[in-house]
Amino acid sequence: MPRAESKLKNRIRRHRLFNLEMTQEQLGNKLGLSKAAVCAIEKGRTTPSLFRAWQIAKFFGTTIEEMFYYEEEDVAATVDKRDVTPF
């Protein structure tokens, strides 16, 4: 049975290959992850924890928002404004 992919997408592969010319194994070694874990996150088969997402973004010198995004680019449009409480 095929696995369902997460709607959370990422730009890890782009940063890994085009900015640093790094393999999944090399990235995993830098972040304390296995090659399989890097592959699973990159392909959307698993979603990283908030800490892991921050760690990955920081490693590439970017933000979580730039590194990870939802498939529906306009997520804010789907939120009912009555459900949002002001600070």
N, C-alpha and C. Protein backbone atom coordinates (compact mmCIF):
# COMPACT_ATOMS: atom_id res chain seq x y z
N MET A 1 0.85 -1.18 0.00
CA MET A 1 0.00 0.00 0.00
C MET A 1 0.90 1.24 0.00
N PRO A 2 0.64 2.22 -0.89
CA PRO A 2 1.49 3.42 -0.95
C PRO A 2 1.33 4.28 0.29
N ARG A 3 2.41 4.91 0.67
CA ARG A 3 2.39 5.80 1.84
C ARG A 3 1.78 7.13 1.47
N ALA A 4 1.05 7.70 2.40
CA ALA A 4 0.51 9.05 2.19
C ALA A 4 1.61 10.05 2.50
N GLU A 5 1.80 10.98 1.60
CA GLU A 5 2.81 12.00 1.83
C GLU A 5 2.22 13.14 2.62
N SER A 6 3.05 13.77 3.42
CA SER A 6 2.64 14.91 4.22
C SER A 6 2.36 16.10 3.31
N LYS A 7 1.43 16.95 3.73
CA LYS A 7 1.20 18.19 3.01
C LYS A 7 2.29 19.20 3.31
N LEU A 8 3.08 18.92 4.35
CA LEU A 8 4.20 19.78 4.69
C LEU A 8 5.35 19.46 3.74
N LYS A 9 5.72 20.40 2.93
CA LYS A 9 6.80 20.24 1.95
C LYS A 9 8.03 20.96 2.47
N ASN A 10 9.17 20.70 1.85
CA ASN A 10 10.40 21.36 2.29
C ASN A 10 11.34 21.63 1.14
N ARG A 11 12.33 22.44 1.43
CA ARG A 11 13.34 22.80 0.43
C ARG A 11 14.72 22.26 0.84
N ILE A 12 14.72 21.18 1.60
CA ILE A 12 15.99 20.61 2.08
C ILE A 12 16.87 20.17 0.93
N ARG A 13 16.30 19.42 0.00
CA ARG A 13 17.09 18.90 -1.13
C ARG A 13 17.73 20.04 -1.91
N ARG A 14 16.95 21.09 -2.18
CA ARG A 14 17.46 22.23 -2.92
C ARG A 14 18.67 22.84 -2.21
N HIS A 15 18.54 23.07 -0.90
CA HIS A 15 19.64 23.65 -0.13
C HIS A 15 20.82 22.69 -0.04
N ARG A 16 20.52 21.43 0.16
CA ARG A 16 21.57 20.42 0.32
C ARG A 16 22.40 20.27 -0.95
N LEU A 17 21.74 20.20 -2.09
CA LEU A 17 22.45 19.97 -3.35
C LEU A 17 23.02 21.22 -3.97
N PHE A 18 22.23 22.27 -4.03
CA PHE A 18 22.65 23.45 -4.77
C PHE A 18 23.49 24.43 -3.96
N ASN A 19 23.31 24.47 -2.66
CA ASN A 19 24.09 25.39 -1.84
C ASN A 19 25.36 24.75 -1.30
N LEU A 20 25.27 23.49 -0.88
CA LEU A 20 26.41 22.86 -0.22
C LEU A 20 26.95 21.63 -0.93
N GLU A 21 26.26 21.16 -1.99
CA GLU A 21 26.67 19.94 -2.70
C GLU A 21 26.96 18.82 -1.71
N MET A 22 25.98 18.53 -0.89
CA MET A 22 26.11 17.60 0.23
C MET A 22 25.18 16.40 0.02
N THR A 23 25.63 15.22 0.41
CA THR A 23 24.79 14.03 0.33
C THR A 23 23.85 13.98 1.54
N GLN A 24 22.85 13.13 1.46
CA GLN A 24 21.95 12.94 2.60
C GLN A 24 22.74 12.41 3.79
N GLU A 25 23.68 11.53 3.54
CA GLU A 25 24.48 10.97 4.62
C GLU A 25 25.32 12.05 5.30
N GLN A 26 25.93 12.93 4.52
CA GLN A 26 26.73 14.01 5.09
C GLN A 26 25.87 14.97 5.92
N LEU A 27 24.68 15.29 5.41
CA LEU A 27 23.78 16.15 6.17
C LEU A 27 23.36 15.47 7.45
N GLY A 28 23.03 14.20 7.36
CA GLY A 28 22.65 13.44 8.55
C GLY A 28 23.73 13.46 9.61
N ASN A 29 24.98 13.27 9.18
CA ASN A 29 26.11 13.30 10.12
C ASN A 29 26.23 14.65 10.82
N LYS A 30 26.00 15.73 10.08
CA LYS A 30 26.09 17.09 10.66
C LYS A 30 24.97 17.35 11.66
N LEU A 31 23.79 16.75 11.41
CA LEU A 31 22.62 17.01 12.24
C LEU A 31 22.35 15.93 13.27
N GLY A 32 23.13 14.85 13.25
CA GLY A 32 22.89 13.75 14.18
C GLY A 32 21.71 12.89 13.78
N LEU A 33 21.48 12.78 12.47
CA LEU A 33 20.39 11.97 11.93
C LEU A 33 20.97 10.89 11.02
N SER A 34 20.21 9.84 10.82
CA SER A 34 20.63 8.82 9.85
C SER A 34 20.32 9.31 8.44
N LYS A 35 20.96 8.70 7.47
CA LYS A 35 20.67 9.00 6.07
C LYS A 35 19.20 8.71 5.79
N ALA A 36 18.68 7.62 6.35
CA ALA A 36 17.28 7.25 6.14
C ALA A 36 16.33 8.31 6.70
N ALA A 37 16.67 8.90 7.84
CA ALA A 37 15.83 9.95 8.43
C ALA A 37 15.84 11.19 7.56
N VAL A 38 17.00 11.58 7.06
CA VAL A 38 17.09 12.74 6.17
C VAL A 38 16.26 12.49 4.92
N CYS A 39 16.38 11.30 4.35
CA CYS A 39 15.62 10.94 3.16
C CYS A 39 14.11 11.01 3.43
N ALA A 40 13.67 10.47 4.54
CA ALA A 40 12.24 10.45 4.88
C ALA A 40 11.69 11.86 5.07
N ILE A 41 12.45 12.72 5.71
CA ILE A 41 12.01 14.11 5.90
C ILE A 41 11.97 14.83 4.55
N GLU A 42 13.03 14.66 3.77
CA GLU A 42 13.15 15.31 2.46
C GLU A 42 11.99 14.93 1.54
N LYS A 43 11.60 13.66 1.56
CA LYS A 43 10.53 13.17 0.67
C LYS A 43 9.14 13.33 1.26
N GLY A 44 9.04 13.87 2.47
CA GLY A 44 7.74 14.11 3.08
C GLY A 44 7.09 12.88 3.66
N ARG A 45 7.86 11.82 3.86
CA ARG A 45 7.29 10.60 4.45
C ARG A 45 7.18 10.72 5.96
N THR A 46 7.92 11.66 6.53
CA THR A 46 7.82 11.94 7.96
C THR A 46 7.97 13.44 8.17
N THR A 47 7.37 13.93 9.23
CA THR A 47 7.44 15.35 9.55
C THR A 47 8.38 15.53 10.73
N PRO A 48 9.36 16.42 10.60
CA PRO A 48 10.30 16.61 11.71
C PRO A 48 9.63 17.32 12.88
N SER A 49 10.18 17.11 14.06
CA SER A 49 9.72 17.86 15.23
C SER A 49 10.05 19.33 15.02
N LEU A 50 9.46 20.18 15.83
CA LEU A 50 9.73 21.61 15.74
C LEU A 50 11.22 21.87 15.94
N PHE A 51 11.82 21.20 16.93
CA PHE A 51 13.25 21.39 17.18
C PHE A 51 14.07 20.97 15.96
N ARG A 52 13.75 19.82 15.36
CA ARG A 52 14.49 19.32 14.21
C ARG A 52 14.33 20.27 13.02
N ALA A 53 13.11 20.77 12.82
CA ALA A 53 12.87 21.72 11.73
C ALA A 53 13.70 22.98 11.93
N TRP A 54 13.75 23.47 13.16
CA TRP A 54 14.56 24.65 13.48
C TRP A 54 16.04 24.35 13.25
N GLN A 55 16.48 23.18 13.69
CA GLN A 55 17.89 22.78 13.53
C GLN A 55 18.28 22.72 12.04
N ILE A 56 17.41 22.14 11.24
CA ILE A 56 17.68 22.04 9.80
C ILE A 56 17.74 23.43 9.17
N ALA A 57 16.76 24.26 9.48
CA ALA A 57 16.73 25.61 8.92
C ALA A 57 17.96 26.41 9.35
N LYS A 58 18.31 26.32 10.62
CA LYS A 58 19.47 27.05 11.13
C LYS A 58 20.76 26.57 10.44
N PHE A 59 20.88 25.26 10.22
CA PHE A 59 22.06 24.72 9.57
C PHE A 59 22.26 25.36 8.19
N PHE A 60 21.15 25.57 7.47
CA PHE A 60 21.24 26.14 6.13
C PHE A 60 21.18 27.67 6.13
N GLY A 61 21.10 28.26 7.32
CA GLY A 61 21.11 29.72 7.42
C GLY A 61 19.82 30.37 6.95
N THR A 62 18.71 29.69 7.19
CA THR A 62 17.41 30.22 6.78
C THR A 62 16.41 30.04 7.92
N THR A 63 15.17 30.34 7.67
CA THR A 63 14.14 30.21 8.69
C THR A 63 13.31 28.95 8.46
N ILE A 64 12.59 28.55 9.49
CA ILE A 64 11.68 27.41 9.35
C ILE A 64 10.66 27.70 8.27
N GLU A 65 10.14 28.93 8.23
CA GLU A 65 9.11 29.30 7.26
C GLU A 65 9.62 29.19 5.82
N GLU A 66 10.89 29.50 5.61
CA GLU A 66 11.48 29.40 4.28
C GLU A 66 11.79 27.94 3.92
N MET A 67 12.19 27.16 4.90
CA MET A 67 12.58 25.77 4.64
C MET A 67 11.37 24.85 4.50
N PHE A 68 10.33 25.08 5.29
CA PHE A 68 9.14 24.21 5.29
C PHE A 68 7.91 25.02 4.92
N TYR A 69 7.03 24.44 4.13
CA TYR A 69 5.81 25.11 3.71
C TYR A 69 4.73 24.07 3.44
N TYR A 70 3.48 24.49 3.52
CA TYR A 70 2.36 23.59 3.22
C TYR A 70 2.09 23.58 1.74
N GLU A 71 1.58 22.45 1.26
CA GLU A 71 1.26 22.31 -0.15
C GLU A 71 0.29 23.41 -0.60
N GLU A 72 -0.72 23.69 0.20
CA GLU A 72 -1.60 24.82 -0.09
C GLU A 72 -0.87 26.07 0.36
N GLU A 73 -0.42 26.85 -0.58
CA GLU A 73 0.37 28.03 -0.25
C GLU A 73 -0.43 29.05 0.55
N ASP A 74 -1.74 29.10 0.37
CA ASP A 74 -2.54 30.10 1.05
C ASP A 74 -3.27 29.48 2.24
N VAL A 75 -2.53 28.99 3.21
CA VAL A 75 -3.11 28.35 4.38
C VAL A 75 -3.94 29.36 5.17
N ALA A 76 -3.52 30.60 5.22
CA ALA A 76 -4.22 31.63 5.99
C ALA A 76 -5.65 31.82 5.50
N ALA A 77 -5.89 31.62 4.23
CA ALA A 77 -7.23 31.80 3.67
C ALA A 77 -8.19 30.73 4.17
N THR A 78 -7.68 29.61 4.63
CA THR A 78 -8.54 28.52 5.10
C THR A 78 -8.88 28.65 6.58
N VAL A 79 -8.25 29.58 7.28
CA VAL A 79 -8.48 29.76 8.72
C VAL A 79 -9.67 30.68 8.91
N ASP A 80 -10.61 30.25 9.72
CA ASP A 80 -11.76 31.08 10.05
C ASP A 80 -11.28 32.14 11.04
N LYS A 81 -11.43 33.40 10.70
CA LYS A 81 -10.91 34.49 11.54
C LYS A 81 -11.54 34.50 12.92
N ARG A 82 -12.72 33.92 13.08
CA ARG A 82 -13.35 33.86 14.40
C ARG A 82 -12.63 32.89 15.31
N ASP A 83 -11.86 31.96 14.73
CA ASP A 83 -11.13 30.98 15.52
C ASP A 83 -9.79 31.50 16.05
N VAL A 84 -9.39 32.67 15.60
CA VAL A 84 -8.10 33.24 15.97
C VAL A 84 -8.32 34.25 17.09
N THR A 85 -7.68 34.02 18.22
CA THR A 85 -7.80 34.96 19.33
C THR A 85 -6.64 35.94 19.31
N PRO A 86 -6.91 37.23 19.48
CA PRO A 86 -5.82 38.22 19.49
C PRO A 86 -5.00 38.11 20.76
N PHE A 87 -3.78 38.55 20.68
CA PHE A 87 -2.90 38.51 21.85
C PHE A 87 -3.13 39.70 22.73
